[in-house]
């Protein structure tokens, strides 16, 4: 008997193929998950990955502009992570700018929702009325930091609304209504109402105010206080020195104190008992010479504090004499080993002020932390020479072994000679191939010739020279190298050579064009000291090969064009 054959239909065959595909896809998913388990980042927990994302957003300055949200498109896990509770701190940084520029009610509402109940950090720039303000103020109890700048009229309107709110966790407050203050209506009082500080800000620790008065007597327990043109709103008379000292006395935990044009010059009888600020880390003063002098005399702070002095109207050496006594006391309490000089000014007949900064440090190389910086505005080369001499004499100059003059662009040869005679312990100098650096090398050569026994100036052991890519100083490089060659020749004749000469070419191209000059420096240093080029030992053969390679690459580019 013939058996009946079973014919497979198209539908059955298609179903079998689909089943096989599903099985294979399932196997691929399992194998992919096992394979991805070997990738280190996928082994991290969501909490740790969110922490890494937070550090990235903060370090790359992407917290407020939301550029960190690009990670949402990396993969599904990262997208889910960015919307999860672990990432709520990232959404809590909210910036409100122009209504039409990256700021909408929908965006702000989305950030507020995704940040959950996490404390908010708010930056507001008010140059027009903005509907987003209502959404922010409705969350006043969550605001941890509030930074407001913009047109004075809008800023004061916002301040009026703050008086009706409670800000229980506000830690930092910054208000700057200085823009277009002359357009304010006469009915607006240019001051913070007392009611704001009457129990509404119980956790305020950082206060930054610009061009707005406030009640000094109501301040207390601040950690940071930064004032610019901010008077005392309690009195009708101008702010005075005793009022300021009383306010500082009520803030013994201060770590940052910045004052800019807050006080007129103290009167001759305005004295106060010393105020201790044992935790102070930064003192920044941009006041009159008399105010700077009084504050340095009556404030007691650690010798490790960073001090930045910008006394107003200091143009000649005589202008600074009053502040030298407390400055001398402040410097002598520190361990000073490095001096950094930044100087630039216009010609005297231009009618513009110069700029000179002298920074005394106990770090090597010099850092901002723990330094003492003096900023003045000399009128010409003679006055900068006066100011430099007086400031250096105030310091323990015999302990200064490092001198950084990379940014001293146009100090004259005579000024350098006067400074070097006072800095007799300097052993290492950092300079740049510009006008000030050229004059410095010429001053060294002249002093080497005039005083071979080193009785009136220091014996330099290490000279670190940098050549920048500035077009302004490019044409000065040949003269600088020739001056450096003359200096080394003088040292070589006295058998008293540098221990280290370093040449640093920022763009790896300017010094290669002066191969012959550098080779002469190399042969002068050979056997007596070390010549470094961009941090490595200089090799004439290698330098020649690099120059030829660079020329070949340029030639190929020209031929392609």
Protein backbone atom coordinates (compact mmCIF):
# COMPACT_ATOMS: atom_id res chain seq x y z
CA UNK A 1 0.00 0.00 0.00
CA UNK A 2 1.42 3.33 -0.95
CA UNK A 3 2.09 5.76 1.93
CA UNK A 4 0.81 9.26 1.64
CA UNK A 5 3.67 11.86 1.60
CA UNK A 6 3.40 14.90 3.89
CA UNK A 7 3.98 18.14 2.03
CA UNK A 8 5.41 21.05 4.14
CA UNK A 9 3.50 24.18 3.50
CA UNK A 10 5.08 27.59 3.09
CA UNK A 11 3.55 28.77 6.33
CA UNK A 12 5.04 25.86 8.29
CA UNK A 13 8.48 26.41 6.81
CA UNK A 14 8.33 30.14 7.59
CA UNK A 15 7.27 29.36 11.18
CA UNK A 16 10.22 26.99 11.61
CA UNK A 17 12.62 29.65 10.34
CA UNK A 18 11.17 32.22 12.72
CA UNK A 19 11.63 29.82 15.64
CA UNK A 20 15.26 29.26 14.69
CA UNK A 21 15.85 33.01 14.36
CA UNK A 22 14.31 33.63 17.77
CA UNK A 23 16.54 30.95 19.31
CA UNK A 24 19.65 32.43 17.68
CA UNK A 25 18.74 35.97 18.75
CA UNK A 26 18.29 34.73 22.31
CA UNK A 27 21.71 33.08 22.16
CA UNK A 28 23.24 36.28 20.76
CA UNK A 29 21.72 38.29 23.62
CA UNK A 30 23.12 35.86 26.20
CA UNK A 31 26.57 35.84 24.61
CA UNK A 32 26.55 39.64 24.26
CA UNK A 33 25.74 40.03 27.93
CA UNK A 34 28.57 37.65 28.85
CA UNK A 35 30.94 39.48 26.51
CA UNK A 36 30.03 42.90 27.90
CA UNK A 37 30.65 41.65 31.41
CA UNK A 38 34.36 41.77 30.57
CA UNK A 39 34.14 45.56 29.90
CA UNK A 40 35.24 47.33 33.14
CA UNK A 41 32.74 50.19 32.97
CA UNK A 42 29.80 47.83 32.70
CA UNK A 43 30.82 46.18 35.94
CA UNK A 44 30.30 49.43 37.83
CA UNK A 45 27.21 49.96 39.93
CA UNK A 46 24.75 52.68 38.99
CA UNK A 47 25.75 54.74 42.03
CA UNK A 48 29.46 54.67 41.14
CA UNK A 49 28.76 55.36 37.48
CA UNK A 50 26.58 58.33 38.46
CA UNK A 51 29.43 59.61 40.63
CA UNK A 52 31.84 59.39 37.68
CA UNK A 53 29.34 61.22 35.49
CA UNK A 54 28.99 63.97 38.12
CA UNK A 55 32.76 64.45 38.31
CA UNK A 56 32.97 64.63 34.51
CA UNK A 57 30.18 67.22 34.31
CA UNK A 58 31.79 69.36 37.02
CA UNK A 59 35.35 69.18 35.67
CA UNK A 60 34.26 69.96 32.11
CA UNK A 61 32.03 72.87 33.27
CA UNK A 62 28.90 71.25 31.83
CA UNK A 63 26.63 71.36 34.85
CA UNK A 64 24.67 74.48 33.96
CA UNK A 65 24.68 74.26 30.15
CA UNK A 66 23.46 70.62 30.27
CA UNK A 67 26.05 69.41 27.76
CA UNK A 68 26.54 66.42 30.03
CA UNK A 69 23.11 65.16 28.87
CA UNK A 70 24.77 63.87 25.68
CA UNK A 71 25.48 60.70 27.63
CA UNK A 72 21.76 59.92 27.40
CA UNK A 73 22.38 58.84 23.81
CA UNK A 74 25.29 56.48 24.50
CA UNK A 75 23.22 53.45 25.41
CA UNK A 76 19.99 52.44 27.05
CA UNK A 77 21.62 51.89 30.46
CA UNK A 78 23.17 55.34 30.51
CA UNK A 79 19.87 56.87 29.44
CA UNK A 80 18.07 55.14 32.28
CA UNK A 81 20.86 56.08 34.68
CA UNK A 82 20.64 59.79 33.79
CA UNK A 83 16.93 59.74 34.62
CA UNK A 84 17.29 57.67 37.78
CA UNK A 85 17.46 58.94 41.35
CA UNK A 86 21.26 58.52 41.45
CA UNK A 87 21.62 61.32 38.87
CA UNK A 88 19.31 63.81 40.60
CA UNK A 89 22.22 66.05 41.69
CA UNK A 90 23.13 66.63 38.04
CA UNK A 91 19.70 68.04 37.24
CA UNK A 92 19.81 70.40 40.23
CA UNK A 93 22.12 72.94 38.54
CA UNK A 94 19.77 75.35 36.77
CA UNK A 95 20.78 78.40 34.73
CA UNK A 96 18.24 81.03 33.68
CA UNK A 97 19.40 83.46 31.03
CA UNK A 98 17.51 85.15 28.23
CA UNK A 99 13.94 83.99 27.68
CA UNK A 100 14.76 83.04 24.08
CA UNK A 101 18.20 81.52 24.73
CA UNK A 102 18.39 78.04 26.24
CA UNK A 103 15.77 78.89 28.80
CA UNK A 104 12.14 77.89 28.72
CA UNK A 105 9.55 77.12 31.34
CA UNK A 106 9.39 73.56 30.04
CA UNK A 107 13.16 73.02 30.41
CA UNK A 108 13.25 74.47 33.92
CA UNK A 109 10.19 72.44 34.96
CA UNK A 110 11.82 69.30 33.55
CA UNK A 111 14.99 69.93 35.52
CA UNK A 112 13.03 70.59 38.71
CA UNK A 113 11.10 67.36 38.26
CA UNK A 114 14.15 65.22 37.45
CA UNK A 115 16.15 66.67 40.34
CA UNK A 116 13.60 65.23 42.76
CA UNK A 117 14.00 66.78 46.19
CA UNK A 118 17.73 67.44 45.82
CA UNK A 119 18.96 70.96 46.86
CA UNK A 120 19.10 73.43 43.97
CA UNK A 121 21.98 75.56 42.69
CA UNK A 122 20.53 78.47 40.70
CA UNK A 123 22.20 81.03 38.42
CA UNK A 124 19.98 83.80 37.09
CA UNK A 125 20.88 86.54 34.59
CA UNK A 126 18.00 88.99 34.44
CA UNK A 127 18.11 91.23 31.39
CA UNK A 128 14.37 91.01 30.81
CA UNK A 129 11.30 89.67 32.59
CA UNK A 130 11.39 85.89 32.69
CA UNK A 131 8.53 83.49 33.30
CA UNK A 132 10.95 80.84 34.64
CA UNK A 133 11.44 82.84 37.84
CA UNK A 134 8.05 81.74 39.17
CA UNK A 135 8.97 78.07 38.79
CA UNK A 136 12.20 78.64 40.71
CA UNK A 137 10.70 80.66 43.56
CA UNK A 138 8.01 78.03 44.04
CA UNK A 139 10.88 75.76 45.10
CA UNK A 140 12.45 78.31 47.49
CA UNK A 141 12.77 75.79 50.32
CA UNK A 142 15.08 73.69 48.09
CA UNK A 143 17.46 76.47 46.98
CA UNK A 144 20.96 75.92 48.35
CA UNK A 145 22.83 78.47 46.22
CA UNK A 146 21.39 81.55 44.48
CA UNK A 147 23.41 83.73 42.09
CA UNK A 148 21.56 86.71 40.55
CA UNK A 149 22.95 89.35 38.16
CA UNK A 150 21.47 91.56 35.48
CA UNK A 151 19.60 94.81 35.00
CA UNK A 152 19.19 96.55 38.35
CA UNK A 153 15.42 97.02 37.99
CA UNK A 154 14.75 93.29 37.49
CA UNK A 155 17.22 92.27 40.20
CA UNK A 156 15.53 94.52 42.78
CA UNK A 157 12.12 93.19 41.78
CA UNK A 158 13.41 89.71 42.52
CA UNK A 159 14.84 90.89 45.85
CA UNK A 160 11.39 92.23 46.80
CA UNK A 161 9.93 88.79 46.15
CA UNK A 162 12.61 87.15 48.30
CA UNK A 163 11.42 89.12 51.34
CA UNK A 164 8.18 87.11 51.32
CA UNK A 165 9.94 83.74 51.07
CA UNK A 166 11.71 81.46 53.50
CA UNK A 167 15.02 80.03 52.35
CA UNK A 168 15.87 77.55 55.10
CA UNK A 169 18.79 75.76 53.40
CA UNK A 170 20.26 78.69 51.43
CA UNK A 171 24.03 78.39 51.88
CA UNK A 172 25.36 80.86 49.28
CA UNK A 173 23.82 84.15 48.08
CA UNK A 174 25.23 86.37 45.30
CA UNK A 175 23.49 89.58 44.20
CA UNK A 176 24.82 92.01 41.60
CA UNK A 177 22.40 94.79 40.52
CA UNK A 178 25.19 97.08 39.25
CA UNK A 179 24.09 97.02 35.59
CA UNK A 180 22.00 100.07 34.63
CA UNK A 181 21.63 101.29 38.21
CA UNK A 182 21.27 104.83 36.94
CA UNK A 183 17.94 103.82 35.37
CA UNK A 184 16.40 102.74 38.67
CA UNK A 185 13.23 104.59 39.74
CA UNK A 186 13.75 106.92 42.67
CA UNK A 187 11.30 104.92 44.77
CA UNK A 188 13.60 101.87 44.89
CA UNK A 189 15.91 101.71 47.91
CA UNK A 190 19.32 100.44 46.79
CA UNK A 191 19.73 98.11 49.73
CA UNK A 192 18.77 94.69 50.99
CA UNK A 193 15.81 94.90 53.38
CA UNK A 194 16.56 93.96 56.99
CA UNK A 195 13.70 91.46 56.91
CA UNK A 196 15.69 89.16 54.60
CA UNK A 197 18.24 88.58 57.36
CA UNK A 198 15.67 88.35 60.14
CA UNK A 199 15.52 84.56 60.46
CA UNK A 200 14.79 83.86 56.79
CA UNK A 201 18.38 82.75 56.02
CA UNK A 202 19.36 80.59 59.01
CA UNK A 203 22.06 78.65 57.11
CA UNK A 204 23.62 81.46 55.07
CA UNK A 205 27.42 80.99 55.03
CA UNK A 206 28.58 82.72 51.83
CA UNK A 207 27.54 86.25 50.86
CA UNK A 208 28.67 88.11 47.72
CA UNK A 209 27.25 91.58 47.04
CA UNK A 210 28.05 94.17 44.37
CA UNK A 211 26.74 97.74 44.40
CA UNK A 212 24.06 97.09 46.99
CA UNK A 213 23.93 98.10 50.65
CA UNK A 214 23.00 95.70 53.43
CA UNK A 215 22.73 95.73 57.25
CA UNK A 216 26.24 95.00 58.50
CA UNK A 217 25.11 94.49 62.11
CA UNK A 218 22.88 91.55 61.12
CA UNK A 219 25.72 89.53 59.65
CA UNK A 220 27.24 86.67 61.59
CA UNK A 221 28.88 83.26 61.26
CA UNK A 222 29.73 83.72 57.60
CA UNK A 223 32.40 81.57 55.97
CA UNK A 224 32.86 83.74 52.86
CA UNK A 225 32.20 87.49 52.53
CA UNK A 226 32.84 89.28 49.23
CA UNK A 227 31.78 92.93 49.00
CA UNK A 228 32.19 95.43 46.17
CA UNK A 229 30.84 98.98 46.60
CA UNK A 230 28.47 97.70 49.30
CA UNK A 231 27.73 100.19 52.07
CA UNK A 232 26.17 99.72 55.47
CA UNK A 233 22.41 100.25 55.08
CA UNK A 234 21.82 100.70 58.82
CA UNK A 235 23.31 104.17 59.08
CA UNK A 236 22.68 107.27 57.03
CA UNK A 237 26.33 108.24 57.43
CA UNK A 238 29.01 106.63 55.26
CA UNK A 239 30.31 103.23 56.29
CA UNK A 240 33.16 103.42 58.77
CA UNK A 241 36.04 101.27 59.93
CA UNK A 242 34.65 100.30 63.39
CA UNK A 243 31.40 99.04 61.83
CA UNK A 244 33.35 96.84 59.44
CA UNK A 245 35.51 95.44 62.23
CA UNK A 246 32.43 94.67 64.35
CA UNK A 247 30.92 92.74 61.44
CA UNK A 248 34.14 90.79 60.91
CA UNK A 249 34.33 90.12 64.64
CA UNK A 250 30.94 88.40 64.41
CA UNK A 251 32.28 86.08 61.67
CA UNK A 252 35.19 84.23 63.31
CA UNK A 253 34.83 81.29 60.89
CA UNK A 254 35.63 83.39 57.81
CA UNK A 255 37.71 81.59 55.19
CA UNK A 256 37.35 84.12 52.37
CA UNK A 257 37.25 87.91 52.75
CA UNK A 258 37.20 90.15 49.66
CA UNK A 259 36.66 93.91 49.95
CA UNK A 260 36.53 96.24 46.95
CA UNK A 261 35.87 99.96 47.52
CA UNK A 262 33.77 99.30 50.62
CA UNK A 263 35.31 101.86 52.98
CA UNK A 264 36.56 105.42 52.73
CA UNK A 265 39.95 106.04 54.29
CA UNK A 266 39.79 105.49 58.07
CA UNK A 267 40.03 108.62 60.17
CA UNK A 268 43.05 109.27 62.37
CA UNK A 269 41.18 108.21 65.53
CA UNK A 270 39.38 105.15 64.15
CA UNK A 271 41.04 102.40 66.14
CA UNK A 272 39.75 98.98 67.05
CA UNK A 273 40.93 96.00 69.00
CA UNK A 274 42.46 93.25 66.83
CA UNK A 275 40.06 90.80 65.21
CA UNK A 276 41.11 87.15 65.01
CA UNK A 277 40.27 85.19 61.86
CA UNK A 278 42.02 81.87 62.55
CA UNK A 279 40.53 80.04 59.56
CA UNK A 280 41.10 82.72 56.90
CA UNK A 281 42.41 81.28 53.63
CA UNK A 282 42.04 84.27 51.27
CA UNK A 283 42.22 88.01 51.98
CA UNK A 284 41.65 90.22 48.93
CA UNK A 285 41.74 94.00 49.44
CA UNK A 286 41.10 96.60 46.75
CA UNK A 287 40.83 99.65 48.98
CA UNK A 288 42.69 102.88 49.69
CA UNK A 289 46.22 102.65 51.04
CA UNK A 290 44.98 103.82 54.46
CA UNK A 291 42.25 101.16 54.57
CA UNK A 292 44.63 98.39 53.48
CA UNK A 293 47.12 99.54 56.12
CA UNK A 294 44.50 99.56 58.88
CA UNK A 295 43.07 96.14 57.96
CA UNK A 296 46.51 94.54 57.84
CA UNK A 297 47.27 96.08 61.23
CA UNK A 298 44.07 94.97 63.00
CA UNK A 299 43.28 91.62 61.35
CA UNK A 300 45.01 88.54 62.69
CA UNK A 301 45.10 85.57 60.35
CA UNK A 302 47.34 82.53 59.71
CA UNK A 303 50.67 82.95 57.95
CA UNK A 304 49.46 80.42 55.37
CA UNK A 305 46.61 82.69 54.19
CA UNK A 306 46.71 83.97 50.63
CA UNK A 307 46.84 87.78 50.69
CA UNK A 308 46.07 89.88 47.61
CA UNK A 309 46.63 93.62 48.03
CA UNK A 310 45.50 96.09 45.39
CA UNK A 311 45.89 99.49 47.07
CA UNK A 312 44.21 102.20 45.04
CA UNK A 313 46.08 105.13 43.48
CA UNK A 314 49.58 103.72 43.94
CA UNK A 315 51.60 105.24 41.11
CA UNK A 316 54.98 106.05 42.67
CA UNK A 317 57.10 104.66 45.46
CA UNK A 318 55.97 107.30 47.97
CA UNK A 319 52.33 106.22 47.58
CA UNK A 320 53.03 102.83 49.09
CA UNK A 321 55.19 103.80 52.06
CA UNK A 322 52.35 103.70 54.64
CA UNK A 323 51.40 100.11 53.87
CA UNK A 324 54.99 98.85 54.02
CA UNK A 325 55.08 98.46 57.83
CA UNK A 326 52.12 96.03 58.12
CA UNK A 327 53.19 94.47 54.81
CA UNK A 328 56.66 93.88 56.25
CA UNK A 329 55.13 92.18 59.30
CA UNK A 330 52.89 90.04 57.11
CA UNK A 331 55.72 88.92 54.81
CA UNK A 332 58.17 88.25 57.63
CA UNK A 333 55.72 85.81 59.23
CA UNK A 334 55.97 83.61 56.14
CA UNK A 335 58.57 81.30 54.65
CA UNK A 336 59.36 83.03 51.36
CA UNK A 337 61.39 81.32 48.66
CA UNK A 338 59.98 82.57 45.36
CA UNK A 339 59.11 85.92 43.79
CA UNK A 340 56.93 86.30 40.71
CA UNK A 341 56.76 89.62 38.87
CA UNK A 342 54.10 90.53 36.30
CA UNK A 343 54.44 93.93 34.68
CA UNK A 344 52.95 95.76 31.73
CA UNK A 345 52.28 99.41 31.10
CA UNK A 346 51.71 101.91 28.33
CA UNK A 347 54.06 104.76 27.53
CA UNK A 348 53.74 107.70 29.90
CA UNK A 349 52.53 110.16 27.27
CA UNK A 350 49.50 107.94 26.52
CA UNK A 351 47.87 108.99 29.80
CA UNK A 352 47.08 105.38 30.76
CA UNK A 353 48.14 103.59 33.92
CA UNK A 354 50.64 100.79 34.06
CA UNK A 355 50.28 97.45 35.74
CA UNK A 356 52.75 95.74 38.05
CA UNK A 357 52.16 92.67 40.22
CA UNK A 358 54.67 91.24 42.69
CA UNK A 359 53.82 87.88 44.24
CA UNK A 360 55.83 86.45 47.15
CA UNK A 361 55.45 82.71 47.64
CA UNK A 362 56.78 79.99 49.86
CA UNK A 363 56.08 77.38 47.19
CA UNK A 364 58.47 76.29 44.48
CA UNK A 365 57.31 76.58 41.79
CA UNK A 366 55.14 79.52 42.83
CA UNK A 367 51.45 78.87 43.44
CA UNK A 368 48.56 81.12 44.37
CA UNK A 369 47.85 79.35 47.65
CA UNK A 370 49.65 80.94 50.57
CA UNK A 371 51.13 83.74 48.48
CA UNK A 372 51.25 87.47 49.17
CA UNK A 373 50.54 89.57 46.09
CA UNK A 374 50.92 93.33 45.70
CA UNK A 375 49.38 95.06 42.67
CA UNK A 376 50.26 98.66 41.74
CA UNK A 377 49.92 100.98 38.76
CA UNK A 378 53.29 102.66 38.05
CA UNK A 379 53.40 105.58 35.68
CA UNK A 380 56.75 104.85 34.02
CA UNK A 381 59.98 102.87 34.31
CA UNK A 382 61.32 105.07 37.09
CA UNK A 383 58.25 104.62 39.27
CA UNK A 384 58.10 100.86 38.74
CA UNK A 385 61.73 100.75 39.83
CA UNK A 386 60.82 102.65 43.00
CA UNK A 387 57.91 100.34 43.82
CA UNK A 388 59.88 97.16 43.12
CA UNK A 389 62.76 98.26 45.35
CA UNK A 390 60.50 99.19 48.27
CA UNK A 391 58.52 95.95 48.05
CA UNK A 392 61.63 93.76 47.79
CA UNK A 393 63.26 95.54 50.74
CA UNK A 394 60.16 94.71 52.78
CA UNK A 395 60.61 90.99 52.07
CA UNK A 396 63.24 88.56 53.41
CA UNK A 397 65.17 88.91 50.15
CA UNK A 398 68.05 86.67 51.25
CA UNK A 399 65.65 83.71 51.34
CA UNK A 400 64.25 84.27 47.84
CA UNK A 401 65.94 81.69 45.61
CA UNK A 402 63.45 81.54 42.71
CA UNK A 403 62.46 84.42 40.43
CA UNK A 404 59.65 84.12 37.87
CA UNK A 405 59.52 87.00 35.36
CA UNK A 406 57.83 85.28 32.41
CA UNK A 407 55.05 87.89 32.43
CA UNK A 408 57.24 90.95 33.09
CA UNK A 409 57.02 92.06 29.49
CA UNK A 410 58.77 95.41 29.33
CA UNK A 411 60.78 96.20 32.46
CA UNK A 412 63.93 98.11 31.54
CA UNK A 413 67.52 96.99 31.99
CA UNK A 414 68.09 99.64 34.68
CA UNK A 415 65.08 98.40 36.66
CA UNK A 416 66.37 94.83 36.55
CA UNK A 417 69.79 95.92 37.79
CA UNK A 418 68.20 97.67 40.75
CA UNK A 419 66.09 94.61 41.61
CA UNK A 420 68.92 92.08 41.20
CA UNK A 421 71.14 93.98 43.63
CA UNK A 422 68.49 93.29 46.28
CA UNK A 423 67.87 89.65 45.28
CA UNK A 424 71.32 88.30 45.96
CA UNK A 425 70.18 84.77 46.86
CA UNK A 426 68.34 84.03 43.60
CA UNK A 427 69.55 80.85 41.92
CA UNK A 428 66.77 79.96 39.48
CA UNK A 429 65.11 82.34 37.03
CA UNK A 430 62.16 81.70 34.71
CA UNK A 431 61.83 84.19 31.87
CA UNK A 432 60.40 84.57 28.41
CA UNK A 433 61.85 85.80 25.14
CA UNK A 434 60.16 89.21 25.16
CA UNK A 435 61.25 92.77 25.90
CA UNK A 436 61.48 92.29 29.65
CA UNK A 437 63.37 89.01 29.28
CA UNK A 438 65.83 90.53 26.81
CA UNK A 439 66.53 93.43 29.17
CA UNK A 440 66.99 90.99 32.06
CA UNK A 441 69.67 88.99 30.21
CA UNK A 442 71.41 92.20 29.17
CA UNK A 443 71.36 93.37 32.80
CA UNK A 444 72.95 90.09 33.89
CA UNK A 445 75.70 90.44 31.27
CA UNK A 446 76.46 94.01 32.28
CA UNK A 447 76.59 93.12 35.98
CA UNK A 448 78.81 90.08 35.30
CA UNK A 449 81.30 92.35 33.57
CA UNK A 450 81.19 95.07 36.21
CA UNK A 451 81.30 92.79 39.26
CA UNK A 452 83.15 89.50 38.63
CA UNK A 453 83.15 88.61 42.36
CA UNK A 454 79.33 88.63 42.73
CA UNK A 455 79.35 91.10 45.60
CA UNK A 456 76.36 93.14 44.41
CA UNK A 457 74.12 90.66 42.57
CA UNK A 458 73.16 86.97 42.65
CA UNK A 459 74.90 84.06 41.04
CA UNK A 460 72.31 82.47 38.74
CA UNK A 461 72.60 78.67 38.47
CA UNK A 462 69.49 77.74 36.50
CA UNK A 463 67.93 79.73 33.66
CA UNK A 464 64.62 78.52 32.20
CA UNK A 465 63.61 80.35 29.03
CA UNK A 466 60.28 80.04 27.24
CA UNK A 467 59.49 81.11 23.68
CA UNK A 468 55.77 81.66 23.13
CA UNK A 469 53.87 81.70 19.87
CA UNK A 470 53.00 85.38 20.22
CA UNK A 471 53.48 87.31 16.98
CA UNK A 472 54.29 90.34 19.09
CA UNK A 473 57.56 88.86 20.37
CA UNK A 474 58.51 86.64 17.42
CA UNK A 475 60.87 89.20 15.88
CA UNK A 476 62.69 89.59 19.20
CA UNK A 477 63.90 85.97 19.34
CA UNK A 478 67.20 86.56 17.43
CA UNK A 479 68.16 89.48 19.68
CA UNK A 480 67.27 87.44 22.74
CA UNK A 481 69.42 84.48 21.65
CA UNK A 482 72.34 86.80 20.88
CA UNK A 483 72.03 88.40 24.33
CA UNK A 484 71.90 84.94 25.89
CA UNK A 485 75.01 83.96 23.95
CA UNK A 486 76.88 87.06 25.18
CA UNK A 487 75.86 86.26 28.75
CA UNK A 488 77.10 82.66 28.52
CA UNK A 489 80.33 83.82 26.93
CA UNK A 490 80.92 86.13 29.89
CA UNK A 491 80.17 83.32 32.36
CA UNK A 492 82.41 80.92 30.44
CA UNK A 493 85.33 83.35 30.48
CA UNK A 494 85.05 83.49 34.27
CA UNK A 495 84.80 79.67 34.50
CA UNK A 496 81.54 80.09 36.35
CA UNK A 497 78.98 78.54 34.04
CA UNK A 498 75.27 77.94 34.47
CA UNK A 499 74.33 74.50 35.73
CA UNK A 500 71.16 74.37 33.64
CA UNK A 501 69.91 76.29 30.62
CA UNK A 502 66.47 75.25 29.42
CA UNK A 503 64.87 76.42 26.19
CA UNK A 504 61.16 75.73 25.84
CA UNK A 505 59.46 76.28 22.50
CA UNK A 506 55.70 76.24 23.07
CA UNK A 507 54.84 75.42 19.46
CA UNK A 508 58.00 73.42 18.62
CA UNK A 509 58.78 75.61 15.63
CA UNK A 510 60.24 79.01 16.49
CA UNK A 511 63.59 77.95 17.93
CA UNK A 512 64.21 75.36 15.20
CA UNK A 513 64.69 78.26 12.80
CA UNK A 514 67.69 79.41 14.85
CA UNK A 515 69.68 76.20 14.75
CA UNK A 516 73.11 77.83 14.56
CA UNK A 517 72.53 80.06 17.60
CA UNK A 518 71.26 77.14 19.69
CA UNK A 519 74.20 74.95 18.67
CA UNK A 520 76.60 77.66 19.83
CA UNK A 521 74.79 77.74 23.18
CA UNK A 522 75.08 73.95 23.31
CA UNK A 523 78.85 73.94 22.78
CA UNK A 524 79.28 76.68 25.39
CA UNK A 525 77.33 74.64 27.95
CA UNK A 526 79.05 71.36 27.03
CA UNK A 527 81.23 70.06 29.83
CA UNK A 528 80.10 72.77 32.25
CA UNK A 529 76.32 72.52 32.41
CA UNK A 530 73.23 71.05 30.80
CA UNK A 531 71.23 72.44 27.88
CA UNK A 532 67.62 71.26 27.80
CA UNK A 533 65.26 71.71 24.87
CA UNK A 534 61.57 71.22 25.69
CA UNK A 535 62.48 69.22 28.78
CA UNK A 536 64.96 66.83 27.11
CA UNK A 537 68.72 66.96 26.62
CA UNK A 538 69.52 68.94 23.49
CA UNK A 539 70.97 66.91 20.60
CA UNK A 540 72.25 68.97 17.63
CA UNK A 541 71.90 66.05 15.21
CA UNK A 542 68.33 65.33 16.25
CA UNK A 543 67.45 69.02 16.11
CA UNK A 544 68.81 69.24 12.57
CA UNK A 545 66.76 66.21 11.51
CA UNK A 546 63.60 67.71 13.04
CA UNK A 547 64.20 70.98 11.20
CA UNK A 548 64.71 69.18 7.88
CA UNK A 549 61.57 67.11 8.48
CA UNK A 550 59.57 70.25 9.20
CA UNK A 551 60.88 71.91 6.03
CA UNK A 552 59.96 68.84 3.97
CA UNK A 553 56.43 68.84 5.37
CA UNK A 554 56.01 72.53 4.58
CA UNK A 555 57.37 71.98 1.08
CA UNK A 556 54.87 69.17 0.49
CA UNK A 557 52.04 71.43 1.62
CA UNK A 558 53.14 74.17 -0.78
CA UNK A 559 53.30 71.70 -3.66
CA UNK A 560 49.80 70.42 -2.88
CA UNK A 561 48.48 73.96 -3.07
